[in-house]
PDB file of N, CA and C in Angstrom:
ATOM      1  N   UNK A   1       0.852  -1.165   0.000  1.00  0.00           N
ATOM      2  CA  UNK A   1       0.000   0.000   0.000  1.00  0.00           C
ATOM      3  C   UNK A   1       0.903   1.235   0.000  1.00  0.00           C
ATOM      4  N   UNK A   2       0.555   2.220  -0.804  1.00  0.00           N
ATOM      5  CA  UNK A   2       1.333   3.444  -0.901  1.00  0.00           C
ATOM      6  C   UNK A   2       0.524   4.629  -0.392  1.00  0.00           C
ATOM      7  N   UNK A   3       1.242   5.581   0.191  1.00  0.00           N
ATOM      8  CA  UNK A   3       0.600   6.795   0.667  1.00  0.00           C
ATOM      9  C   UNK A   3       0.265   7.711  -0.501  1.00  0.00           C
ATOM     10  N   UNK A   4      -0.770   8.506  -0.329  1.00  0.00           N
ATOM     11  CA  UNK A   4      -1.098   9.547  -1.285  1.00  0.00           C
ATOM     12  C   UNK A   4      -0.250  10.765  -0.928  1.00  0.00           C
ATOM     13  N   UNK A   5       0.819  10.960  -1.679  1.00  0.00           N
ATOM     14  CA  UNK A   5       1.732  12.063  -1.394  1.00  0.00           C
ATOM     15  C   UNK A   5       1.000  13.404  -1.442  1.00  0.00           C
ATOM     16  N   UNK A   6       0.099  13.551  -2.393  1.00  0.00           N
ATOM     17  CA  UNK A   6      -0.637  14.805  -2.535  1.00  0.00           C
ATOM     18  C   UNK A   6      -1.479  15.091  -1.289  1.00  0.00           C
ATOM     19  N   UNK A   7      -2.156  14.082  -0.786  1.00  0.00           N
ATOM     20  CA  UNK A   7      -3.022  14.261   0.391  1.00  0.00           C
ATOM     21  C   UNK A   7      -2.193  14.571   1.632  1.00  0.00           C
ATOM     22  N   UNK A   8      -1.113  13.825   1.848  1.00  0.00           N
ATOM     23  CA  UNK A   8      -0.268  14.044   3.025  1.00  0.00           C
ATOM     24  C   UNK A   8       0.382  15.421   2.943  1.00  0.00           C
ATOM     25  N   UNK A   9       0.852  15.804   1.764  1.00  0.00           N
ATOM     26  CA  UNK A   9       1.463  17.122   1.586  1.00  0.00           C
ATOM     27  C   UNK A   9       0.457  18.222   1.902  1.00  0.00           C
ATOM     28  N   UNK A  10      -0.760  18.052   1.442  1.00  0.00           N
ATOM     29  CA  UNK A  10      -1.826  19.019   1.735  1.00  0.00           C
ATOM     30  C   UNK A  10      -2.051  19.124   3.241  1.00  0.00           C
ATOM     31  N   UNK A  11      -2.150  17.994   3.923  1.00  0.00           N
ATOM     32  CA  UNK A  11      -2.379  17.999   5.370  1.00  0.00           C
ATOM     33  C   UNK A  11      -1.216  18.633   6.122  1.00  0.00           C
ATOM     34  N   UNK A  12       0.012  18.369   5.671  1.00  0.00           N
ATOM     35  CA  UNK A  12       1.191  18.961   6.291  1.00  0.00           C
ATOM     36  C   UNK A  12       1.138  20.481   6.142  1.00  0.00           C
ATOM     37  N   UNK A  13       0.813  20.947   4.946  1.00  0.00           N
ATOM     38  CA  UNK A  13       0.737  22.387   4.702  1.00  0.00           C
ATOM     39  C   UNK A  13      -0.361  23.043   5.521  1.00  0.00           C
ATOM     40  N   UNK A  14      -1.491  22.355   5.664  1.00  0.00           N
ATOM     41  CA  UNK A  14      -2.594  22.903   6.459  1.00  0.00           C
ATOM     42  C   UNK A  14      -2.186  23.119   7.915  1.00  0.00           C
ATOM     43  N   UNK A  15      -1.354  22.251   8.414  1.00  0.00           N
ATOM     44  CA  UNK A  15      -0.877  22.349   9.801  1.00  0.00           C
ATOM     45  C   UNK A  15       0.336  23.257   9.950  1.00  0.00           C
ATOM     46  N   UNK A  16       0.934  23.667   8.828  1.00  0.00           N
ATOM     47  CA  UNK A  16       2.127  24.494   8.873  1.00  0.00           C
ATOM     48  C   UNK A  16       3.350  23.731   9.362  1.00  0.00           C
ATOM     49  N   UNK A  17       3.405  22.442   9.021  1.00  0.00           N
ATOM     50  CA  UNK A  17       4.508  21.578   9.437  1.00  0.00           C
ATOM     51  C   UNK A  17       5.464  21.321   8.289  1.00  0.00           C
ATOM     52  N   UNK A  18       6.637  20.826   8.626  1.00  0.00           N
ATOM     53  CA  UNK A  18       7.548  20.272   7.631  1.00  0.00           C
ATOM     54  C   UNK A  18       7.423  18.751   7.701  1.00  0.00           C
ATOM     55  N   UNK A  19       7.984  18.069   6.719  1.00  0.00           N
ATOM     56  CA  UNK A  19       7.980  16.599   6.755  1.00  0.00           C
ATOM     57  C   UNK A  19       8.716  16.089   7.983  1.00  0.00           C
ATOM     58  N   UNK A  20       9.825  16.734   8.319  1.00  0.00           N
ATOM     59  CA  UNK A  20      10.592  16.306   9.492  1.00  0.00           C
ATOM     60  C   UNK A  20       9.797  16.494  10.778  1.00  0.00           C
ATOM     61  N   UNK A  21       9.073  17.587  10.888  1.00  0.00           N
ATOM     62  CA  UNK A  21       8.256  17.823  12.076  1.00  0.00           C
ATOM     63  C   UNK A  21       7.144  16.788  12.182  1.00  0.00           C
ATOM     64  N   UNK A  22       6.544  16.452  11.048  1.00  0.00           N
ATOM     65  CA  UNK A  22       5.505  15.421  11.058  1.00  0.00           C
ATOM     66  C   UNK A  22       6.097  14.081  11.471  1.00  0.00           C
ATOM     67  N   UNK A  23       7.261  13.750  10.939  1.00  0.00           N
ATOM     68  CA  UNK A  23       7.902  12.485  11.300  1.00  0.00           C
ATOM     69  C   UNK A  23       8.147  12.421  12.806  1.00  0.00           C
ATOM     70  N   UNK A  24       8.619  13.507  13.390  1.00  0.00           N
ATOM     71  CA  UNK A  24       8.838  13.529  14.847  1.00  0.00           C
ATOM     72  C   UNK A  24       7.522  13.356  15.594  1.00  0.00           C
ATOM     73  N   UNK A  25       6.461  14.024  15.112  1.00  0.00           N
ATOM     74  CA  UNK A  25       5.145  13.897  15.754  1.00  0.00           C
ATOM     75  C   UNK A  25       4.621  12.463  15.665  1.00  0.00           C
ATOM     76  N   UNK A  26       4.972  11.772  14.578  1.00  0.00           N
ATOM     77  CA  UNK A  26       4.527  10.389  14.383  1.00  0.00           C
ATOM     78  C   UNK A  26       5.432   9.394  15.090  1.00  0.00           C
ATOM     79  N   UNK A  27       6.558   9.884  15.607  1.00  0.00           N
ATOM     80  CA  UNK A  27       7.547   9.045  16.280  1.00  0.00           C
ATOM     81  C   UNK A  27       8.170   8.025  15.321  1.00  0.00           C
ATOM     82  N   UNK A  28       8.464   8.516  14.113  1.00  0.00           N
ATOM     83  CA  UNK A  28       9.148   7.696  13.116  1.00  0.00           C
ATOM     84  C   UNK A  28      10.340   8.488  12.580  1.00  0.00           C
ATOM     85  N   UNK A  29      11.256   7.794  11.920  1.00  0.00           N
ATOM     86  CA  UNK A  29      12.409   8.468  11.335  1.00  0.00           C
ATOM     87  C   UNK A  29      11.969   9.273  10.115  1.00  0.00           C
ATOM     88  N   UNK A  30      12.533  10.465   9.926  1.00  0.00           N
ATOM     89  CA  UNK A  30      12.193  11.258   8.743  1.00  0.00           C
ATOM     90  C   UNK A  30      12.415  10.505   7.438  1.00  0.00           C
ATOM     91  N   UNK A  31      13.460   9.692   7.378  1.00  0.00           N
ATOM     92  CA  UNK A  31      13.725   8.912   6.172  1.00  0.00           C
ATOM     93  C   UNK A  31      12.630   7.905   5.874  1.00  0.00           C
ATOM     94  N   UNK A  32      12.043   7.346   6.918  1.00  0.00           N
ATOM     95  CA  UNK A  32      10.946   6.385   6.723  1.00  0.00           C
ATOM     96  C   UNK A  32       9.734   7.075   6.111  1.00  0.00           C
ATOM     97  N   UNK A  33       9.428   8.275   6.617  1.00  0.00           N
ATOM     98  CA  UNK A  33       8.298   9.019   6.057  1.00  0.00           C
ATOM     99  C   UNK A  33       8.600   9.440   4.627  1.00  0.00           C
ATOM    100  N   UNK A  34       9.799   9.907   4.384  1.00  0.00           N
ATOM    101  CA  UNK A  34      10.190  10.320   3.036  1.00  0.00           C
ATOM    102  C   UNK A  34      10.086   9.163   2.051  1.00  0.00           C
ATOM    103  N   UNK A  35      10.578   7.991   2.434  1.00  0.00           N
ATOM    104  CA  UNK A  35      10.502   6.806   1.567  1.00  0.00           C
ATOM    105  C   UNK A  35       9.060   6.401   1.303  1.00  0.00           C
ATOM    106  N   UNK A  36       8.213   6.493   2.312  1.00  0.00           N
ATOM    107  CA  UNK A  36       6.801   6.137   2.141  1.00  0.00           C
ATOM    108  C   UNK A  36       6.104   7.129   1.209  1.00  0.00           C
ATOM    109  N   UNK A  37       6.423   8.424   1.361  1.00  0.00           N
ATOM    110  CA  UNK A  37       5.788   9.437   0.515  1.00  0.00           C
ATOM    111  C   UNK A  37       6.271   9.370  -0.930  1.00  0.00           C
ATOM    112  N   UNK A  38       7.531   9.014  -1.126  1.00  0.00           N
ATOM    113  CA  UNK A  38       8.071   8.954  -2.483  1.00  0.00           C
ATOM    114  C   UNK A  38       7.675   7.673  -3.206  1.00  0.00           C
ATOM    115  N   UNK A  39       7.141   6.704  -2.473  1.00  0.00           N
ATOM    116  CA  UNK A  39       6.759   5.435  -3.076  1.00  0.00           C
ATOM    117  C   UNK A  39       7.891   4.425  -3.127  1.00  0.00           C
ATOM    118  N   UNK A  40       9.053   4.785  -2.559  1.00  0.00           N
ATOM    119  CA  UNK A  40      10.176   3.840  -2.544  1.00  0.00           C
ATOM    120  C   UNK A  40       9.877   2.637  -1.666  1.00  0.00           C
ATOM    121  N   UNK A  41       9.068   2.856  -0.640  1.00  0.00           N
ATOM    122  CA  UNK A  41       8.669   1.783   0.276  1.00  0.00           C
ATOM    123  C   UNK A  41       7.174   1.897   0.501  1.00  0.00           C
ATOM    124  N   UNK A  42       6.544   0.771   0.672  1.00  0.00           N
ATOM    125  CA  UNK A  42       5.132   0.786   1.013  1.00  0.00           C
ATOM    126  C   UNK A  42       4.954   1.276   2.441  1.00  0.00           C
ATOM    127  N   UNK A  43       3.767   1.692   2.737  1.00  0.00           N
ATOM    128  CA  UNK A  43       3.492   2.176   4.087  1.00  0.00           C
ATOM    129  C   UNK A  43       3.099   0.989   4.960  1.00  0.00           C
ATOM    130  N   UNK A  44       3.707   0.920   6.117  1.00  0.00           N
ATOM    131  CA  UNK A  44       3.405  -0.155   7.054  1.00  0.00           C
ATOM    132  C   UNK A  44       2.337   0.262   8.049  1.00  0.00           C
ATOM    133  N   UNK A  45       1.963  -0.692   8.858  1.00  0.00           N
ATOM    134  CA  UNK A  45       0.925  -0.474   9.859  1.00  0.00           C
ATOM    135  C   UNK A  45       1.304   0.639  10.835  1.00  0.00           C
ATOM    136  N   UNK A  46       2.577   0.687  11.239  1.00  0.00           N
ATOM    137  CA  UNK A  46       3.017   1.694  12.211  1.00  0.00           C
ATOM    138  C   UNK A  46       2.826   3.109  11.676  1.00  0.00           C
ATOM    139  N   UNK A  47       3.269   3.345  10.450  1.00  0.00           N
ATOM    140  CA  UNK A  47       3.151   4.691   9.879  1.00  0.00           C
ATOM    141  C   UNK A  47       1.694   5.047   9.626  1.00  0.00           C
ATOM    142  N   UNK A  48       0.939   4.129   9.055  1.00  0.00           N
ATOM    143  CA  UNK A  48      -0.465   4.413   8.768  1.00  0.00           C
ATOM    144  C   UNK A  48      -1.249   4.669  10.057  1.00  0.00           C
ATOM    145  N   UNK A  49      -1.012   3.869  11.079  1.00  0.00           N
ATOM    146  CA  UNK A  49      -1.696   4.070  12.364  1.00  0.00           C
ATOM    147  C   UNK A  49      -1.340   5.426  12.961  1.00  0.00           C
ATOM    148  N   UNK A  50      -0.068   5.791  12.875  1.00  0.00           N
ATOM    149  CA  UNK A  50       0.374   7.077  13.416  1.00  0.00           C
ATOM    150  C   UNK A  50      -0.258   8.234  12.650  1.00  0.00           C
ATOM    151  N   UNK A  51      -0.353   8.106  11.338  1.00  0.00           N
ATOM    152  CA  UNK A  51      -1.000   9.156  10.541  1.00  0.00           C
ATOM    153  C   UNK A  51      -2.477   9.297  10.892  1.00  0.00           C
ATOM    154  N   UNK A  52      -3.141   8.177  11.102  1.00  0.00           N
ATOM    155  CA  UNK A  52      -4.560   8.225  11.461  1.00  0.00           C
ATOM    156  C   UNK A  52      -4.776   8.862  12.832  1.00  0.00           C
ATOM    157  N   UNK A  53      -3.831   8.657  13.749  1.00  0.00           N
ATOM    158  CA  UNK A  53      -3.917   9.320  15.058  1.00  0.00           C
ATOM    159  C   UNK A  53      -3.652  10.815  14.927  1.00  0.00           C
ATOM    160  N   UNK A  54      -2.707  11.170  14.071  1.00  0.00           N
ATOM    161  CA  UNK A  54      -2.335  12.569  13.887  1.00  0.00           C
ATOM    162  C   UNK A  54      -3.420  13.351  13.137  1.00  0.00           C
ATOM    163  N   UNK A  55      -4.083  12.694  12.212  1.00  0.00           N
ATOM    164  CA  UNK A  55      -5.136  13.312  11.411  1.00  0.00           C
ATOM    165  C   UNK A  55      -6.433  12.525  11.598  1.00  0.00           C
ATOM    166  N   UNK A  56      -7.088  12.691  12.744  1.00  0.00           N
ATOM    167  CA  UNK A  56      -8.247  11.847  13.075  1.00  0.00           C
ATOM    168  C   UNK A  56      -9.446  12.001  12.135  1.00  0.00           C
ATOM    169  N   UNK A  57      -9.511  13.077  11.398  1.00  0.00           N
ATOM    170  CA  UNK A  57     -10.620  13.260  10.461  1.00  0.00           C
ATOM    171  C   UNK A  57     -10.442  12.512   9.155  1.00  0.00           C
ATOM    172  N   UNK A  58      -9.297  11.865   8.989  1.00  0.00           N
ATOM    173  CA  UNK A  58      -9.000  11.145   7.752  1.00  0.00           C
ATOM    174  C   UNK A  58      -9.208   9.646   7.942  1.00  0.00           C
ATOM    175  N   UNK A  59      -9.383   8.958   6.818  1.00  0.00           N
ATOM    176  CA  UNK A  59      -9.499   7.500   6.847  1.00  0.00           C
ATOM    177  C   UNK A  59      -8.268   6.901   6.172  1.00  0.00           C
ATOM    178  N   UNK A  60      -8.073   5.618   6.358  1.00  0.00           N
ATOM    179  CA  UNK A  60      -6.957   4.933   5.705  1.00  0.00           C
ATOM    180  C   UNK A  60      -7.067   5.065   4.190  1.00  0.00           C
ATOM    181  N   UNK A  61      -8.266   5.005   3.675  1.00  0.00           N
ATOM    182  CA  UNK A  61      -8.453   5.119   2.221  1.00  0.00           C
ATOM    183  C   UNK A  61      -8.100   6.508   1.716  1.00  0.00           C
ATOM    184  N   UNK A  62      -8.374   7.545   2.511  1.00  0.00           N
ATOM    185  CA  UNK A  62      -8.074   8.900   2.045  1.00  0.00           C
ATOM    186  C   UNK A  62      -6.581   9.197   2.085  1.00  0.00           C
ATOM    187  N   UNK A  63      -5.828   8.453   2.882  1.00  0.00           N
ATOM    188  CA  UNK A  63      -4.392   8.684   3.012  1.00  0.00           C
ATOM    189  C   UNK A  63      -3.550   7.800   2.107  1.00  0.00           C
ATOM    190  N   UNK A  64      -4.172   6.829   1.469  1.00  0.00           N
ATOM    191  CA  UNK A  64      -3.429   5.899   0.615  1.00  0.00           C
ATOM    192  C   UNK A  64      -3.944   5.934  -0.803  1.00  0.00           C
ATOM    193  N   UNK A  65      -3.089   5.448  -1.699  1.00  0.00           N
ATOM    194  CA  UNK A  65      -3.485   5.293  -3.106  1.00  0.00           C
ATOM    195  C   UNK A  65      -4.017   3.891  -3.258  1.00  0.00           C
ATOM    196  N   UNK A  66      -5.097   3.780  -3.932  1.00  0.00           N
ATOM    197  CA  UNK A  66      -5.631   2.451  -4.190  1.00  0.00           C
ATOM    198  C   UNK A  66      -5.020   1.912  -5.466  1.00  0.00           C
ATOM    199  N   UNK A  67      -4.605   0.667  -5.416  1.00  0.00           N
ATOM    200  CA  UNK A  67      -4.049  -0.012  -6.590  1.00  0.00           C
ATOM    201  C   UNK A  67      -5.205  -0.623  -7.377  1.00  0.00           C
ATOM    202  N   UNK A  68      -5.214  -0.395  -8.670  1.00  0.00           N
ATOM    203  CA  UNK A  68      -6.266  -0.950  -9.523  1.00  0.00           C
ATOM    204  C   UNK A  68      -5.707  -2.183 -10.229  1.00  0.00           C
ATOM    205  N   UNK A  69      -6.354  -3.311 -10.011  1.00  0.00           N
ATOM    206  CA  UNK A  69      -5.918  -4.552 -10.665  1.00  0.00           C
ATOM    207  C   UNK A  69      -6.439  -4.571 -12.094  1.00  0.00           C
ATOM    208  N   UNK A  70      -5.588  -5.015 -13.008  1.00  0.00           N
ATOM    209  CA  UNK A  70      -5.976  -5.058 -14.418  1.00  0.00           C
ATOM    210  C   UNK A  70      -6.225  -6.482 -14.838  1.00  0.00           C
TER     211      UNK A  70
END
């Protein structure tokens, strides 16, 4: 599962945060968040759970990209 970079970037901007500040708030390494946002690594349960706690008005579906099977 991959994060929606556009959605996370929008939420970060709304809060006036940087990616590094968000990573600290989520209690994860900045590199882990960067890799998840760039699509280099899929998002794991820890990061997704932390994002849902940080942005309680969002759902897992709104924070991730859905893969379409062909």
